[in-house]
Amino acid sequence: MKKIDHFLRHNPKYSRLQKPLEAARICDAARKEARGRFEVVSFKQGLLTVGVSDSSQAANLQAESQMIINEINEKVGERAVKNIRFKIQ
């Protein structure tokens, strides 16, 4: 995987794929961190949007949002996620 990642990062022809690939990698790490507590909706420019079932679940997750952010960033190896937005679905 590292060889493909290196190739895509250093080949200008594929530079437009960088952001979608990064978003997919971060969303995958967030899904693993979710453990059924929330559903990953999207990631863009440091903002991870997750879906929750109700406002009480959003409040509970908001209280531990910094811990969730740290865990996801640790899994991806960089400080990619800066904020989490909770969306009631």
Protein backbone atom coordinates (compact mmCIF):
# COMPACT_ATOMS: atom_id res chain seq x y z
CA MET A 1 0.00 0.00 0.00
CA LYS A 2 2.83 2.38 0.76
CA LYS A 3 4.22 1.98 -2.75
CA ILE A 4 0.87 2.93 -4.31
CA ASP A 5 0.50 5.83 -1.88
CA HIS A 6 4.01 7.05 -2.72
CA PHE A 7 3.33 6.75 -6.44
CA LEU A 8 0.05 8.68 -6.23
CA ARG A 9 1.57 11.44 -4.11
CA HIS A 10 4.54 12.01 -6.38
CA ASN A 11 2.93 11.68 -9.79
CA PRO A 12 1.32 14.97 -10.91
CA LYS A 13 -1.07 13.06 -13.15
CA TYR A 14 -2.83 11.68 -10.05
CA SER A 15 -2.67 14.75 -7.80
CA ARG A 16 -6.42 15.37 -8.13
CA LEU A 17 -7.03 12.00 -6.45
CA GLN A 18 -5.20 12.98 -3.26
CA LYS A 19 -8.11 14.60 -1.42
CA PRO A 20 -10.69 11.88 -2.17
CA LEU A 21 -8.20 9.17 -1.18
CA GLU A 22 -7.36 10.99 2.05
CA ALA A 23 -11.07 11.42 2.83
CA ALA A 24 -11.71 7.71 2.21
CA ARG A 25 -8.81 6.73 4.49
CA ILE A 26 -10.04 9.02 7.28
CA CYS A 27 -13.66 7.88 6.93
CA ASP A 28 -12.48 4.26 7.16
CA ALA A 29 -10.57 4.99 10.37
CA ALA A 30 -13.61 6.82 11.76
CA ARG A 31 -15.89 3.86 10.97
CA LYS A 32 -13.57 1.59 12.93
CA GLU A 33 -13.60 4.05 15.84
CA ALA A 34 -17.42 4.35 15.73
CA ARG A 35 -18.09 0.85 17.06
CA GLY A 36 -21.81 1.32 16.34
CA ARG A 37 -22.13 4.62 18.21
CA PHE A 38 -22.39 6.78 15.10
CA GLU A 39 -22.41 6.58 11.30
CA VAL A 40 -19.72 8.34 9.29
CA VAL A 41 -21.26 10.69 6.72
CA SER A 42 -18.33 12.63 5.23
CA PHE A 43 -14.93 14.24 5.71
CA LYS A 44 -13.85 17.52 4.14
CA GLN A 45 -11.21 20.10 5.11
CA GLY A 46 -10.67 18.82 8.64
CA LEU A 47 -14.38 18.44 9.43
CA LEU A 48 -15.73 14.95 10.05
CA THR A 49 -19.53 14.76 9.81
CA VAL A 50 -21.17 11.86 11.61
CA GLY A 51 -24.79 10.82 11.88
CA VAL A 52 -26.47 10.05 15.19
CA SER A 53 -29.98 8.89 16.04
CA ASP A 54 -31.00 11.64 18.46
CA SER A 55 -29.86 14.75 20.32
CA SER A 56 -28.99 12.90 23.53
CA GLN A 57 -26.59 10.66 21.62
CA ALA A 58 -25.10 13.76 19.97
CA ALA A 59 -24.61 15.38 23.38
CA ASN A 60 -22.92 12.28 24.78
CA LEU A 61 -20.58 12.02 21.81
CA GLN A 62 -19.88 15.76 21.89
CA ALA A 63 -18.56 15.31 25.42
CA GLU A 64 -16.01 12.79 24.17
CA SER A 65 -15.39 14.36 20.76
CA GLN A 66 -11.77 15.33 21.49
CA MET A 67 -10.98 11.74 22.46
CA ILE A 68 -12.64 10.50 19.23
CA ILE A 69 -10.65 13.03 17.18
CA ASN A 70 -7.39 11.96 18.84
CA GLU A 71 -8.09 8.26 18.21
CA ILE A 72 -8.89 8.80 14.53
CA ASN A 73 -5.84 11.02 14.01
CA GLU A 74 -3.66 8.42 15.70
CA LYS A 75 -4.99 5.72 13.36
CA VAL A 76 -4.29 7.76 10.22
CA GLY A 77 -0.93 9.01 11.49
CA GLU A 78 -1.57 12.73 11.08
CA ARG A 79 -3.68 15.53 12.52
CA ALA A 80 -6.31 15.39 9.77
CA VAL A 81 -9.54 15.63 11.78
CA LYS A 82 -9.89 18.95 13.57
CA ASN A 83 -13.63 19.02 14.35
CA ILE A 84 -16.64 16.72 14.40
CA ARG A 85 -20.11 17.79 13.39
CA PHE A 86 -23.01 15.68 14.65
CA LYS A 87 -25.98 15.36 12.33
CA ILE A 88 -29.24 13.91 13.66
CA GLN A 89 -30.60 11.44 11.13
